[in-house]
Amino acid sequence: MAAASHARQAGRFRKPISTIYEMEKRGEFPRRFNITPRCVVWVLEEVEAWLEQRRRVYVEGRAKIAPEPDVRQRNSRPR
């Protein structure tokens, strides 16, 4: 069984670790477990299966994708 630390997960998904924790709490991401009192990891196979499932949903056109922002509604130009 391979395991991945939270730092690797955050980098792999380009999401803040707090977002991953929130997704885990809602049951949208595999659960982590402690290997020491201060070190948590995820089972890599579960994370890879989650990624594959997310990819399939996207490919099938069932993914919820946020709409592009309407730039005409901006109050100021980005710098």
PDB file of N, CA and C in Angstrom:
ATOM      1  N   MET A   1       0.852  -1.177   0.000  1.00  0.00           N
ATOM      2  CA  MET A   1       0.000   0.000   0.000  1.00  0.00           C
ATOM      3  C   MET A   1       0.890   1.230   0.000  1.00  0.00           C
ATOM      4  N   ALA A   2       0.709   2.084  -0.984  1.00  0.00           N
ATOM      5  CA  ALA A   2       1.449   3.345  -1.056  1.00  0.00           C
ATOM      6  C   ALA A   2       0.637   4.431  -0.364  1.00  0.00           C
ATOM      7  N   ALA A   3       1.339   5.392   0.203  1.00  0.00           N
ATOM      8  CA  ALA A   3       0.683   6.502   0.891  1.00  0.00           C
ATOM      9  C   ALA A   3       1.265   7.813   0.388  1.00  0.00           C
ATOM     10  N   ALA A   4       0.466   8.870   0.472  1.00  0.00           N
ATOM     11  CA  ALA A   4       0.906  10.188   0.043  1.00  0.00           C
ATOM     12  C   ALA A   4       0.629  11.193   1.153  1.00  0.00           C
ATOM     13  N   SER A   5       1.579  12.072   1.419  1.00  0.00           N
ATOM     14  CA  SER A   5       1.412  13.079   2.467  1.00  0.00           C
ATOM     15  C   SER A   5       0.550  14.232   1.974  1.00  0.00           C
ATOM     16  N   HIS A   6       0.109  15.063   2.894  1.00  0.00           N
ATOM     17  CA  HIS A   6      -0.762  16.180   2.517  1.00  0.00           C
ATOM     18  C   HIS A   6      -0.058  17.167   1.603  1.00  0.00           C
ATOM     19  N   ALA A   7       1.228  17.381   1.774  1.00  0.00           N
ATOM     20  CA  ALA A   7       1.950  18.319   0.918  1.00  0.00           C
ATOM     21  C   ALA A   7       1.920  17.835  -0.532  1.00  0.00           C
ATOM     22  N   ARG A   8       2.096  16.559  -0.728  1.00  0.00           N
ATOM     23  CA  ARG A   8       2.061  16.001  -2.079  1.00  0.00           C
ATOM     24  C   ARG A   8       0.668  16.120  -2.670  1.00  0.00           C
ATOM     25  N   GLN A   9      -0.360  15.871  -1.846  1.00  0.00           N
ATOM     26  CA  GLN A   9      -1.734  15.972  -2.338  1.00  0.00           C
ATOM     27  C   GLN A   9      -2.048  17.397  -2.769  1.00  0.00           C
ATOM     28  N   ALA A  10      -1.688  18.365  -1.938  1.00  0.00           N
ATOM     29  CA  ALA A  10      -1.993  19.757  -2.260  1.00  0.00           C
ATOM     30  C   ALA A  10      -1.314  20.163  -3.559  1.00  0.00           C
ATOM     31  N   GLY A  11      -0.082  19.755  -3.758  1.00  0.00           N
ATOM     32  CA  GLY A  11       0.624  20.079  -4.985  1.00  0.00           C
ATOM     33  C   GLY A  11       0.063  19.356  -6.184  1.00  0.00           C
ATOM     34  N   ARG A  12      -0.371  18.138  -5.991  1.00  0.00           N
ATOM     35  CA  ARG A  12      -0.888  17.333  -7.094  1.00  0.00           C
ATOM     36  C   ARG A  12      -2.199  17.884  -7.649  1.00  0.00           C
ATOM     37  N   PHE A  13      -3.050  18.408  -6.776  1.00  0.00           N
ATOM     38  CA  PHE A  13      -4.363  18.875  -7.190  1.00  0.00           C
ATOM     39  C   PHE A  13      -4.460  20.380  -7.290  1.00  0.00           C
ATOM     40  N   ARG A  14      -3.395  21.073  -6.960  1.00  0.00           N
ATOM     41  CA  ARG A  14      -3.370  22.530  -7.030  1.00  0.00           C
ATOM     42  C   ARG A  14      -4.532  23.140  -6.256  1.00  0.00           C
ATOM     43  N   LYS A  15      -4.816  22.566  -5.126  1.00  0.00           N
ATOM     44  CA  LYS A  15      -5.853  23.088  -4.239  1.00  0.00           C
ATOM     45  C   LYS A  15      -5.220  23.299  -2.872  1.00  0.00           C
ATOM     46  N   PRO A  16      -5.672  24.316  -2.154  1.00  0.00           N
ATOM     47  CA  PRO A  16      -5.170  24.481  -0.787  1.00  0.00           C
ATOM     48  C   PRO A  16      -5.525  23.254   0.049  1.00  0.00           C
ATOM     49  N   ILE A  17      -4.656  22.925   0.984  1.00  0.00           N
ATOM     50  CA  ILE A  17      -4.897  21.750   1.826  1.00  0.00           C
ATOM     51  C   ILE A  17      -6.214  21.900   2.587  1.00  0.00           C
ATOM     52  N   SER A  18      -6.594  23.136   2.927  1.00  0.00           N
ATOM     53  CA  SER A  18      -7.864  23.336   3.629  1.00  0.00           C
ATOM     54  C   SER A  18      -9.044  22.918   2.755  1.00  0.00           C
ATOM     55  N   THR A  19      -8.945  23.127   1.438  1.00  0.00           N
ATOM     56  CA  THR A  19     -10.004  22.694   0.523  1.00  0.00           C
ATOM     57  C   THR A  19     -10.087  21.176   0.483  1.00  0.00           C
ATOM     58  N   ILE A  20      -8.933  20.518   0.480  1.00  0.00           N
ATOM     59  CA  ILE A  20      -8.916  19.057   0.487  1.00  0.00           C
ATOM     60  C   ILE A  20      -9.547  18.540   1.776  1.00  0.00           C
ATOM     61  N   TYR A  21      -9.225  19.162   2.913  1.00  0.00           N
ATOM     62  CA  TYR A  21      -9.820  18.750   4.188  1.00  0.00           C
ATOM     63  C   TYR A  21     -11.339  18.950   4.166  1.00  0.00           C
ATOM     64  N   GLU A  22     -11.808  20.068   3.609  1.00  0.00           N
ATOM     65  CA  GLU A  22     -13.249  20.317   3.534  1.00  0.00           C
ATOM     66  C   GLU A  22     -13.932  19.291   2.634  1.00  0.00           C
ATOM     67  N   MET A  23     -13.313  18.974   1.496  1.00  0.00           N
ATOM     68  CA  MET A  23     -13.866  17.964   0.599  1.00  0.00           C
ATOM     69  C   MET A  23     -13.923  16.610   1.289  1.00  0.00           C
ATOM     70  N   GLU A  24     -12.894  16.300   2.059  1.00  0.00           N
ATOM     71  CA  GLU A  24     -12.865  15.040   2.800  1.00  0.00           C
ATOM     72  C   GLU A  24     -14.000  14.991   3.820  1.00  0.00           C
ATOM     73  N   LYS A  25     -14.220  16.102   4.501  1.00  0.00           N
ATOM     74  CA  LYS A  25     -15.279  16.175   5.511  1.00  0.00           C
ATOM     75  C   LYS A  25     -16.658  15.946   4.891  1.00  0.00           C
ATOM     76  N   ARG A  26     -16.856  16.450   3.669  1.00  0.00           N
ATOM     77  CA  ARG A  26     -18.139  16.286   2.971  1.00  0.00           C
ATOM     78  C   ARG A  26     -18.258  14.930   2.288  1.00  0.00           C
ATOM     79  N   GLY A  27     -17.205  14.119   2.345  1.00  0.00           N
ATOM     80  CA  GLY A  27     -17.232  12.809   1.709  1.00  0.00           C
ATOM     81  C   GLY A  27     -16.914  12.854   0.226  1.00  0.00           C
ATOM     82  N   GLU A  28     -16.299  13.945  -0.236  1.00  0.00           N
ATOM     83  CA  GLU A  28     -15.976  14.115  -1.646  1.00  0.00           C
ATOM     84  C   GLU A  28     -14.523  13.774  -1.967  1.00  0.00           C
ATOM     85  N   PHE A  29     -13.768  13.354  -0.980  1.00  0.00           N
ATOM     86  CA  PHE A  29     -12.358  13.022  -1.158  1.00  0.00           C
ATOM     87  C   PHE A  29     -12.031  11.877  -0.200  1.00  0.00           C
ATOM     88  N   PRO A  30     -11.118  10.984  -0.569  1.00  0.00           N
ATOM     89  CA  PRO A  30     -10.790   9.862   0.322  1.00  0.00           C
ATOM     90  C   PRO A  30     -10.321  10.341   1.709  1.00  0.00           C
ATOM     91  N   ARG A  31     -10.601   9.530   2.719  1.00  0.00           N
ATOM     92  CA  ARG A  31     -10.226   9.882   4.094  1.00  0.00           C
ATOM     93  C   ARG A  31      -8.746   9.632   4.341  1.00  0.00           C
ATOM     94  N   ARG A  32      -8.167  10.504   5.129  1.00  0.00           N
ATOM     95  CA  ARG A  32      -6.761  10.366   5.511  1.00  0.00           C
ATOM     96  C   ARG A  32      -6.689   9.583   6.817  1.00  0.00           C
ATOM     97  N   PHE A  33      -5.468   9.177   7.176  1.00  0.00           N
ATOM     98  CA  PHE A  33      -5.263   8.546   8.480  1.00  0.00           C
ATOM     99  C   PHE A  33      -3.899   8.954   9.003  1.00  0.00           C
ATOM    100  N   ASN A  34      -3.747   8.882  10.313  1.00  0.00           N
ATOM    101  CA  ASN A  34      -2.484   9.259  10.951  1.00  0.00           C
ATOM    102  C   ASN A  34      -1.526   8.084  10.956  1.00  0.00           C
ATOM    103  N   ILE A  35      -0.267   8.353  10.580  1.00  0.00           N
ATOM    104  CA  ILE A  35       0.763   7.332  10.737  1.00  0.00           C
ATOM    105  C   ILE A  35       1.623   7.653  11.953  1.00  0.00           C
ATOM    106  N   THR A  36       1.609   8.903  12.387  1.00  0.00           N
ATOM    107  CA  THR A  36       2.186   9.347  13.658  1.00  0.00           C
ATOM    108  C   THR A  36       1.225  10.397  14.200  1.00  0.00           C
ATOM    109  N   PRO A  37       1.406  10.844  15.437  1.00  0.00           N
ATOM    110  CA  PRO A  37       0.480  11.852  15.977  1.00  0.00           C
ATOM    111  C   PRO A  37       0.400  13.136  15.149  1.00  0.00           C
ATOM    112  N   ARG A  38       1.457  13.474  14.403  1.00  0.00           N
ATOM    113  CA  ARG A  38       1.467  14.735  13.661  1.00  0.00           C
ATOM    114  C   ARG A  38       1.591  14.571  12.148  1.00  0.00           C
ATOM    115  N   CYS A  39       1.435  13.363  11.648  1.00  0.00           N
ATOM    116  CA  CYS A  39       1.601  13.121  10.214  1.00  0.00           C
ATOM    117  C   CYS A  39       0.413  12.335   9.678  1.00  0.00           C
ATOM    118  N   VAL A  40      -0.285  12.953   8.717  1.00  0.00           N
ATOM    119  CA  VAL A  40      -1.415  12.269   8.087  1.00  0.00           C
ATOM    120  C   VAL A  40      -1.061  11.926   6.651  1.00  0.00           C
ATOM    121  N   VAL A  41      -1.660  10.848   6.149  1.00  0.00           N
ATOM    122  CA  VAL A  41      -1.442  10.417   4.766  1.00  0.00           C
ATOM    123  C   VAL A  41      -2.750   9.881   4.202  1.00  0.00           C
ATOM    124  N   TRP A  42      -2.776   9.781   2.871  1.00  0.00           N
ATOM    125  CA  TRP A  42      -3.888   9.167   2.160  1.00  0.00           C
ATOM    126  C   TRP A  42      -3.373   7.924   1.468  1.00  0.00           C
ATOM    127  N   VAL A  43      -4.229   6.943   1.281  1.00  0.00           N
ATOM    128  CA  VAL A  43      -3.862   5.760   0.516  1.00  0.00           C
ATOM    129  C   VAL A  43      -3.830   6.195  -0.953  1.00  0.00           C
ATOM    130  N   LEU A  44      -2.676   6.070  -1.567  1.00  0.00           N
ATOM    131  CA  LEU A  44      -2.473   6.572  -2.919  1.00  0.00           C
ATOM    132  C   LEU A  44      -3.434   5.946  -3.923  1.00  0.00           C
ATOM    133  N   GLU A  45      -3.715   4.656  -3.784  1.00  0.00           N
ATOM    134  CA  GLU A  45      -4.635   3.996  -4.706  1.00  0.00           C
ATOM    135  C   GLU A  45      -6.033   4.602  -4.623  1.00  0.00           C
ATOM    136  N   GLU A  46      -6.471   4.969  -3.414  1.00  0.00           N
ATOM    137  CA  GLU A  46      -7.790   5.590  -3.256  1.00  0.00           C
ATOM    138  C   GLU A  46      -7.823   6.967  -3.904  1.00  0.00           C
ATOM    139  N   VAL A  47      -6.747   7.721  -3.753  1.00  0.00           N
ATOM    140  CA  VAL A  47      -6.680   9.055  -4.353  1.00  0.00           C
ATOM    141  C   VAL A  47      -6.647   8.942  -5.874  1.00  0.00           C
ATOM    142  N   GLU A  48      -5.879   8.001  -6.396  1.00  0.00           N
ATOM    143  CA  GLU A  48      -5.818   7.819  -7.843  1.00  0.00           C
ATOM    144  C   GLU A  48      -7.163   7.361  -8.397  1.00  0.00           C
ATOM    145  N   ALA A  49      -7.878   6.519  -7.661  1.00  0.00           N
ATOM    146  CA  ALA A  49      -9.212   6.085  -8.089  1.00  0.00           C
ATOM    147  C   ALA A  49     -10.177   7.276  -8.084  1.00  0.00           C
ATOM    148  N   TRP A  50     -10.061   8.145  -7.076  1.00  0.00           N
ATOM    149  CA  TRP A  50     -10.880   9.349  -7.003  1.00  0.00           C
ATOM    150  C   TRP A  50     -10.599  10.245  -8.211  1.00  0.00           C
ATOM    151  N   LEU A  51      -9.325  10.413  -8.538  1.00  0.00           N
ATOM    152  CA  LEU A  51      -8.941  11.229  -9.696  1.00  0.00           C
ATOM    153  C   LEU A  51      -9.511  10.655 -10.992  1.00  0.00           C
ATOM    154  N   GLU A  52      -9.411   9.359 -11.161  1.00  0.00           N
ATOM    155  CA  GLU A  52      -9.931   8.711 -12.366  1.00  0.00           C
ATOM    156  C   GLU A  52     -11.444   8.884 -12.463  1.00  0.00           C
ATOM    157  N   GLN A  53     -12.140   8.761 -11.343  1.00  0.00           N
ATOM    158  CA  GLN A  53     -13.588   8.935 -11.327  1.00  0.00           C
ATOM    159  C   GLN A  53     -13.943  10.371 -11.717  1.00  0.00           C
ATOM    160  N   ARG A  54     -13.198  11.348 -11.187  1.00  0.00           N
ATOM    161  CA  ARG A  54     -13.436  12.755 -11.536  1.00  0.00           C
ATOM    162  C   ARG A  54     -13.187  12.993 -13.028  1.00  0.00           C
ATOM    163  N   ARG A  55     -12.152  12.364 -13.575  1.00  0.00           N
ATOM    164  CA  ARG A  55     -11.840  12.514 -14.992  1.00  0.00           C
ATOM    165  C   ARG A  55     -12.967  11.954 -15.850  1.00  0.00           C
ATOM    166  N   ARG A  56     -13.491  10.772 -15.459  1.00  0.00           N
ATOM    167  CA  ARG A  56     -14.590  10.165 -16.218  1.00  0.00           C
ATOM    168  C   ARG A  56     -15.818  11.070 -16.228  1.00  0.00           C
ATOM    169  N   VAL A  57     -16.154  11.647 -15.082  1.00  0.00           N
ATOM    170  CA  VAL A  57     -17.301  12.555 -15.000  1.00  0.00           C
ATOM    171  C   VAL A  57     -17.097  13.730 -15.945  1.00  0.00           C
ATOM    172  N   TYR A  58     -15.887  14.277 -15.989  1.00  0.00           N
ATOM    173  CA  TYR A  58     -15.595  15.405 -16.872  1.00  0.00           C
ATOM    174  C   TYR A  58     -15.706  14.998 -18.340  1.00  0.00           C
ATOM    175  N   VAL A  59     -15.107  13.871 -18.692  1.00  0.00           N
ATOM    176  CA  VAL A  59     -15.124  13.406 -20.082  1.00  0.00           C
ATOM    177  C   VAL A  59     -16.548  13.130 -20.553  1.00  0.00           C
ATOM    178  N   GLU A  60     -17.381  12.607 -19.670  1.00  0.00           N
ATOM    179  CA  GLU A  60     -18.769  12.298 -20.024  1.00  0.00           C
ATOM    180  C   GLU A  60     -19.659  13.542 -20.061  1.00  0.00           C
ATOM    181  N   GLY A  61     -19.107  14.689 -19.685  1.00  0.00           N
ATOM    182  CA  GLY A  61     -19.868  15.933 -19.726  1.00  0.00           C
ATOM    183  C   GLY A  61     -20.794  16.138 -18.550  1.00  0.00           C
ATOM    184  N   ARG A  62     -20.589  15.404 -17.468  1.00  0.00           N
ATOM    185  CA  ARG A  62     -21.458  15.530 -16.296  1.00  0.00           C
ATOM    186  C   ARG A  62     -20.842  16.392 -15.204  1.00  0.00           C
ATOM    187  N   ALA A  63     -19.664  16.965 -15.442  1.00  0.00           N
ATOM    188  CA  ALA A  63     -18.967  17.750 -14.421  1.00  0.00           C
ATOM    189  C   ALA A  63     -19.620  19.117 -14.263  1.00  0.00           C
ATOM    190  N   LYS A  64     -19.677  19.589 -13.021  1.00  0.00           N
ATOM    191  CA  LYS A  64     -20.152  20.940 -12.749  1.00  0.00           C
ATOM    192  C   LYS A  64     -18.965  21.880 -12.949  1.00  0.00           C
ATOM    193  N   ILE A  65     -19.065  22.726 -13.941  1.00  0.00           N
ATOM    194  CA  ILE A  65     -17.990  23.658 -14.248  1.00  0.00           C
ATOM    195  C   ILE A  65     -18.530  25.063 -14.069  1.00  0.00           C
ATOM    196  N   ALA A  66     -17.786  25.879 -13.327  1.00  0.00           N
ATOM    197  CA  ALA A  66     -18.207  27.249 -13.076  1.00  0.00           C
ATOM    198  C   ALA A  66     -18.198  28.039 -14.381  1.00  0.00           C
ATOM    199  N   PRO A  67     -19.187  28.913 -14.566  1.00  0.00           N
ATOM    200  CA  PRO A  67     -19.202  29.723 -15.784  1.00  0.00           C
ATOM    201  C   PRO A  67     -18.081  30.757 -15.758  1.00  0.00           C
ATOM    202  N   GLU A  68     -17.698  31.201 -16.944  1.00  0.00           N
ATOM    203  CA  GLU A  68     -16.694  32.257 -17.037  1.00  0.00           C
ATOM    204  C   GLU A  68     -17.270  33.536 -16.433  1.00  0.00           C
ATOM    205  N   PRO A  69     -16.444  34.337 -15.751  1.00  0.00           N
ATOM    206  CA  PRO A  69     -16.969  35.587 -15.189  1.00  0.00           C
ATOM    207  C   PRO A  69     -17.314  36.584 -16.296  1.00  0.00           C
ATOM    208  N   ASP A  70     -18.324  37.400 -16.063  1.00  0.00           N
ATOM    209  CA  ASP A  70     -18.704  38.442 -17.013  1.00  0.00           C
ATOM    210  C   ASP A  70     -17.837  39.665 -16.730  1.00  0.00           C
ATOM    211  N   VAL A  71     -16.805  39.854 -17.538  1.00  0.00           N
ATOM    212  CA  VAL A  71     -15.843  40.931 -17.286  1.00  0.00           C
ATOM    213  C   VAL A  71     -16.475  42.310 -17.450  1.00  0.00           C
ATOM    214  N   ARG A  72     -17.614  42.398 -18.108  1.00  0.00           N
ATOM    215  CA  ARG A  72     -18.280  43.697 -18.264  1.00  0.00           C
ATOM    216  C   ARG A  72     -18.837  44.205 -16.946  1.00  0.00           C
ATOM    217  N   GLN A  73     -18.960  43.328 -15.954  1.00  0.00           N
ATOM    218  CA  GLN A  73     -19.507  43.732 -14.667  1.00  0.00           C
ATOM    219  C   GLN A  73     -18.427  44.177 -13.689  1.00  0.00           C
ATOM    220  N   ARG A  74     -17.169  44.169 -14.105  1.00  0.00           N
ATOM    221  CA  ARG A  74     -16.077  44.595 -13.218  1.00  0.00           C
ATOM    222  C   ARG A  74     -16.180  46.077 -12.913  1.00  0.00           C
ATOM    223  N   ASN A  75     -15.791  46.445 -11.701  1.00  0.00           N
ATOM    224  CA  ASN A  75     -15.744  47.849 -11.317  1.00  0.00           C
ATOM    225  C   ASN A  75     -14.396  48.470 -11.687  1.00  0.00           C
ATOM    226  N   SER A  76     -13.370  47.657 -11.764  1.00  0.00           N
ATOM    227  CA  SER A  76     -12.046  48.163 -12.116  1.00  0.00           C
ATOM    228  C   SER A  76     -11.303  47.094 -12.883  1.00  0.00           C
ATOM    229  N   ARG A  77     -10.245  47.516 -13.584  1.00  0.00           N
ATOM    230  CA  ARG A  77      -9.415  46.584 -14.347  1.00  0.00           C
ATOM    231  C   ARG A  77      -8.423  45.903 -13.413  1.00  0.00           C
ATOM    232  N   PRO A  78      -8.165  44.633 -13.618  1.00  0.00           N
ATOM    233  CA  PRO A  78      -7.121  43.981 -12.812  1.00  0.00           C
ATOM    234  C   PRO A  78      -5.753  44.561 -13.158  1.00  0.00           C
ATOM    235  N   ARG A  79      -4.867  44.566 -12.201  1.00  0.00           N
ATOM    236  CA  ARG A  79      -3.525  45.128 -12.426  1.00  0.00           C
ATOM    237  C   ARG A  79      -2.592  44.099 -12.969  1.00  0.00           C
TER     238      ARG A  79
END
